[in-house]
Amino acid sequence: MRAASVLGAGRQRKEDEIDPGVGLIIEKKLGDRVEKGDVIARIHANDAALASHAEALVRKSYSFGSEAAPPPLIHEVIVGSYKK
Protein backbone atom coordinates (compact mmCIF):
# COMPACT_ATOMS: atom_id res chain seq x y z
CA MET A 1 0.00 0.00 0.00
CA ARG A 2 1.30 3.42 -0.93
CA ALA A 3 0.48 4.81 2.51
CA ALA A 4 3.00 2.49 4.18
CA SER A 5 5.66 3.58 1.73
CA VAL A 6 4.96 7.24 2.50
CA LEU A 7 5.64 6.50 6.18
CA GLY A 8 9.01 4.96 5.36
CA ALA A 9 8.01 1.28 5.53
CA GLY A 10 9.14 0.81 1.93
CA ARG A 11 11.53 2.37 -0.52
CA GLN A 12 10.66 4.81 -3.25
CA ARG A 13 14.30 4.68 -4.45
CA LYS A 14 16.86 1.99 -3.77
CA GLU A 15 18.93 4.46 -1.73
CA ASP A 16 16.05 5.05 0.71
CA GLU A 17 16.25 3.43 4.12
CA ILE A 18 13.37 1.37 5.49
CA ASP A 19 12.14 2.45 8.92
CA PRO A 20 11.18 -0.70 10.88
CA GLY A 21 9.22 1.39 13.39
CA VAL A 22 6.51 2.55 10.98
CA GLY A 23 3.73 0.85 9.06
CA LEU A 24 0.04 0.06 8.77
CA ILE A 25 -2.18 -2.54 10.35
CA ILE A 26 -5.26 -3.11 8.23
CA GLU A 27 -8.12 -4.02 10.58
CA LYS A 28 -10.95 -4.29 8.04
CA LYS A 29 -10.79 -6.01 4.66
CA LEU A 30 -13.11 -6.18 1.67
CA GLY A 31 -16.51 -7.45 2.72
CA ASP A 32 -16.06 -6.93 6.47
CA ARG A 33 -18.96 -5.36 8.32
CA VAL A 34 -18.05 -1.88 9.56
CA GLU A 35 -19.96 0.06 12.17
CA LYS A 36 -19.59 3.75 12.94
CA GLY A 37 -16.56 4.19 15.18
CA ASP A 38 -14.82 0.97 14.09
CA VAL A 39 -11.09 1.15 13.45
CA ILE A 40 -10.37 0.24 9.83
CA ALA A 41 -6.61 0.76 9.92
CA ARG A 42 -3.89 1.69 12.39
CA ILE A 43 -1.05 3.96 11.34
CA HIS A 44 2.31 3.70 13.09
CA ALA A 45 4.41 6.76 12.29
CA ASN A 46 7.21 8.85 13.71
CA ASP A 47 6.36 12.05 11.84
CA ALA A 48 2.99 13.84 12.19
CA ALA A 49 3.01 15.23 8.65
CA LEU A 50 3.74 11.81 7.13
CA ALA A 51 1.06 10.24 9.35
CA SER A 52 -1.46 12.80 8.08
CA HIS A 53 -0.49 12.08 4.46
CA ALA A 54 -0.76 8.33 5.04
CA GLU A 55 -4.16 8.78 6.70
CA ALA A 56 -5.46 10.66 3.65
CA LEU A 57 -4.26 7.84 1.38
CA VAL A 58 -5.86 5.18 3.59
CA ARG A 59 -9.17 7.09 3.69
CA LYS A 60 -9.18 7.34 -0.13
CA SER A 61 -8.57 3.61 -0.47
CA TYR A 62 -11.82 2.63 1.28
CA SER A 63 -15.40 2.95 0.13
CA PHE A 64 -18.50 1.86 2.00
CA GLY A 65 -21.81 0.48 0.87
CA SER A 66 -24.74 -1.60 2.01
CA GLU A 67 -23.76 -4.76 0.11
CA ALA A 68 -23.37 -7.53 2.72
CA ALA A 69 -21.00 -9.84 0.84
CA PRO A 70 -17.75 -9.07 -0.96
CA PRO A 71 -17.81 -9.26 -4.74
CA PRO A 72 -16.65 -12.56 -6.21
CA LEU A 73 -12.92 -13.01 -6.71
CA ILE A 74 -13.47 -14.99 -9.91
CA HIS A 75 -15.86 -13.40 -12.37
CA GLU A 76 -15.58 -15.83 -15.25
CA VAL A 77 -13.77 -19.03 -16.15
CA ILE A 78 -12.52 -19.20 -19.73
CA VAL A 79 -11.95 -22.69 -21.08
CA GLY A 80 -10.07 -23.11 -24.30
CA SER A 81 -7.97 -25.61 -26.13
CA TYR A 82 -4.21 -25.58 -25.94
CA LYS A 83 -2.19 -26.62 -28.97
CA LYS A 84 1.47 -27.63 -28.72
C-alpha atoms as a PDB file:
ATOM      1  CA  MET A   1       0.000   0.000   0.000  1.00  0.00           C
ATOM      2  CA  ARG A   2       1.304   3.421  -0.926  1.00  0.00           C
ATOM      3  CA  ALA A   3       0.483   4.813   2.512  1.00  0.00           C
ATOM      4  CA  ALA A   4       3.002   2.494   4.182  1.00  0.00           C
ATOM      5  CA  SER A   5       5.665   3.576   1.735  1.00  0.00           C
ATOM      6  CA  VAL A   6       4.962   7.240   2.501  1.00  0.00           C
ATOM      7  CA  LEU A   7       5.641   6.503   6.176  1.00  0.00           C
ATOM      8  CA  GLY A   8       9.012   4.962   5.356  1.00  0.00           C
ATOM      9  CA  ALA A   9       8.015   1.277   5.530  1.00  0.00           C
ATOM     10  CA  GLY A  10       9.140   0.814   1.935  1.00  0.00           C
ATOM     11  CA  ARG A  11      11.527   2.367  -0.517  1.00  0.00           C
ATOM     12  CA  GLN A  12      10.663   4.814  -3.246  1.00  0.00           C
ATOM     13  CA  ARG A  13      14.297   4.684  -4.454  1.00  0.00           C
ATOM     14  CA  LYS A  14      16.858   1.988  -3.775  1.00  0.00           C
ATOM     15  CA  GLU A  15      18.928   4.455  -1.734  1.00  0.00           C
ATOM     16  CA  ASP A  16      16.050   5.053   0.714  1.00  0.00           C
ATOM     17  CA  GLU A  17      16.247   3.431   4.117  1.00  0.00           C
ATOM     18  CA  ILE A  18      13.368   1.369   5.488  1.00  0.00           C
ATOM     19  CA  ASP A  19      12.142   2.448   8.919  1.00  0.00           C
ATOM     20  CA  PRO A  20      11.185  -0.700  10.878  1.00  0.00           C
ATOM     21  CA  GLY A  21       9.217   1.393  13.385  1.00  0.00           C
ATOM     22  CA  VAL A  22       6.513   2.549  10.979  1.00  0.00           C
ATOM     23  CA  GLY A  23       3.732   0.852   9.061  1.00  0.00           C
ATOM     24  CA  LEU A  24       0.045   0.060   8.769  1.00  0.00           C
ATOM     25  CA  ILE A  25      -2.183  -2.540  10.353  1.00  0.00           C
ATOM     26  CA  ILE A  26      -5.263  -3.114   8.227  1.00  0.00           C
ATOM     27  CA  GLU A  27      -8.120  -4.021  10.585  1.00  0.00           C
ATOM     28  CA  LYS A  28     -10.948  -4.295   8.039  1.00  0.00           C
ATOM     29  CA  LYS A  29     -10.788  -6.011   4.665  1.00  0.00           C
ATOM     30  CA  LEU A  30     -13.109  -6.183   1.668  1.00  0.00           C
ATOM     31  CA  GLY A  31     -16.509  -7.448   2.722  1.00  0.00           C
ATOM     32  CA  ASP A  32     -16.062  -6.935   6.473  1.00  0.00           C
ATOM     33  CA  ARG A  33     -18.959  -5.357   8.319  1.00  0.00           C
ATOM     34  CA  VAL A  34     -18.054  -1.877   9.557  1.00  0.00           C
ATOM     35  CA  GLU A  35     -19.961   0.059  12.175  1.00  0.00           C
ATOM     36  CA  LYS A  36     -19.594   3.745  12.944  1.00  0.00           C
ATOM     37  CA  GLY A  37     -16.556   4.190  15.180  1.00  0.00           C
ATOM     38  CA  ASP A  38     -14.824   0.966  14.089  1.00  0.00           C
ATOM     39  CA  VAL A  39     -11.088   1.153  13.449  1.00  0.00           C
ATOM     40  CA  ILE A  40     -10.374   0.245   9.825  1.00  0.00           C
ATOM     41  CA  ALA A  41      -6.606   0.760   9.917  1.00  0.00           C
ATOM     42  CA  ARG A  42      -3.891   1.693  12.394  1.00  0.00           C
ATOM     43  CA  ILE A  43      -1.051   3.961  11.335  1.00  0.00           C
ATOM     44  CA  HIS A  44       2.306   3.704  13.086  1.00  0.00           C
ATOM     45  CA  ALA A  45       4.406   6.763  12.285  1.00  0.00           C
ATOM     46  CA  ASN A  46       7.215   8.852  13.714  1.00  0.00           C
ATOM     47  CA  ASP A  47       6.363  12.051  11.841  1.00  0.00           C
ATOM     48  CA  ALA A  48       2.992  13.838  12.193  1.00  0.00           C
ATOM     49  CA  ALA A  49       3.014  15.226   8.646  1.00  0.00           C
ATOM     50  CA  LEU A  50       3.738  11.806   7.132  1.00  0.00           C
ATOM     51  CA  ALA A  51       1.056  10.243   9.348  1.00  0.00           C
ATOM     52  CA  SER A  52      -1.457  12.799   8.084  1.00  0.00           C
ATOM     53  CA  HIS A  53      -0.494  12.084   4.462  1.00  0.00           C
ATOM     54  CA  ALA A  54      -0.763   8.334   5.043  1.00  0.00           C
ATOM     55  CA  GLU A  55      -4.157   8.780   6.701  1.00  0.00           C
ATOM     56  CA  ALA A  56      -5.457  10.656   3.651  1.00  0.00           C
ATOM     57  CA  LEU A  57      -4.261   7.841   1.378  1.00  0.00           C
ATOM     58  CA  VAL A  58      -5.862   5.180   3.588  1.00  0.00           C
ATOM     59  CA  ARG A  59      -9.165   7.088   3.688  1.00  0.00           C
ATOM     60  CA  LYS A  60      -9.180   7.339  -0.127  1.00  0.00           C
ATOM     61  CA  SER A  61      -8.574   3.614  -0.474  1.00  0.00           C
ATOM     62  CA  TYR A  62     -11.823   2.634   1.281  1.00  0.00           C
ATOM     63  CA  SER A  63     -15.401   2.954   0.127  1.00  0.00           C
ATOM     64  CA  PHE A  64     -18.495   1.865   1.996  1.00  0.00           C
ATOM     65  CA  GLY A  65     -21.815   0.483   0.869  1.00  0.00           C
ATOM     66  CA  SER A  66     -24.742  -1.597   2.006  1.00  0.00           C
ATOM     67  CA  GLU A  67     -23.764  -4.763   0.115  1.00  0.00           C
ATOM     68  CA  ALA A  68     -23.365  -7.525   2.716  1.00  0.00           C
ATOM     69  CA  ALA A  69     -21.000  -9.837   0.839  1.00  0.00           C
ATOM     70  CA  PRO A  70     -17.750  -9.070  -0.965  1.00  0.00           C
ATOM     71  CA  PRO A  71     -17.811  -9.258  -4.744  1.00  0.00           C
ATOM     72  CA  PRO A  72     -16.654 -12.561  -6.213  1.00  0.00           C
ATOM     73  CA  LEU A  73     -12.920 -13.005  -6.709  1.00  0.00           C
ATOM     74  CA  ILE A  74     -13.472 -14.995  -9.909  1.00  0.00           C
ATOM     75  CA  HIS A  75     -15.863 -13.399 -12.366  1.00  0.00           C
ATOM     76  CA  GLU A  76     -15.585 -15.833 -15.248  1.00  0.00           C
ATOM     77  CA  VAL A  77     -13.774 -19.032 -16.154  1.00  0.00           C
ATOM     78  CA  ILE A  78     -12.518 -19.202 -19.726  1.00  0.00           C
ATOM     79  CA  VAL A  79     -11.948 -22.689 -21.082  1.00  0.00           C
ATOM     80  CA  GLY A  80     -10.066 -23.106 -24.303  1.00  0.00           C
ATOM     81  CA  SER A  81      -7.973 -25.607 -26.127  1.00  0.00           C
ATOM     82  CA  TYR A  82      -4.214 -25.575 -25.942  1.00  0.00           C
ATOM     83  CA  LYS A  83      -2.190 -26.619 -28.971  1.00  0.00           C
ATOM     84  CA  LYS A  84       1.466 -27.631 -28.722  1.00  0.00           C
END
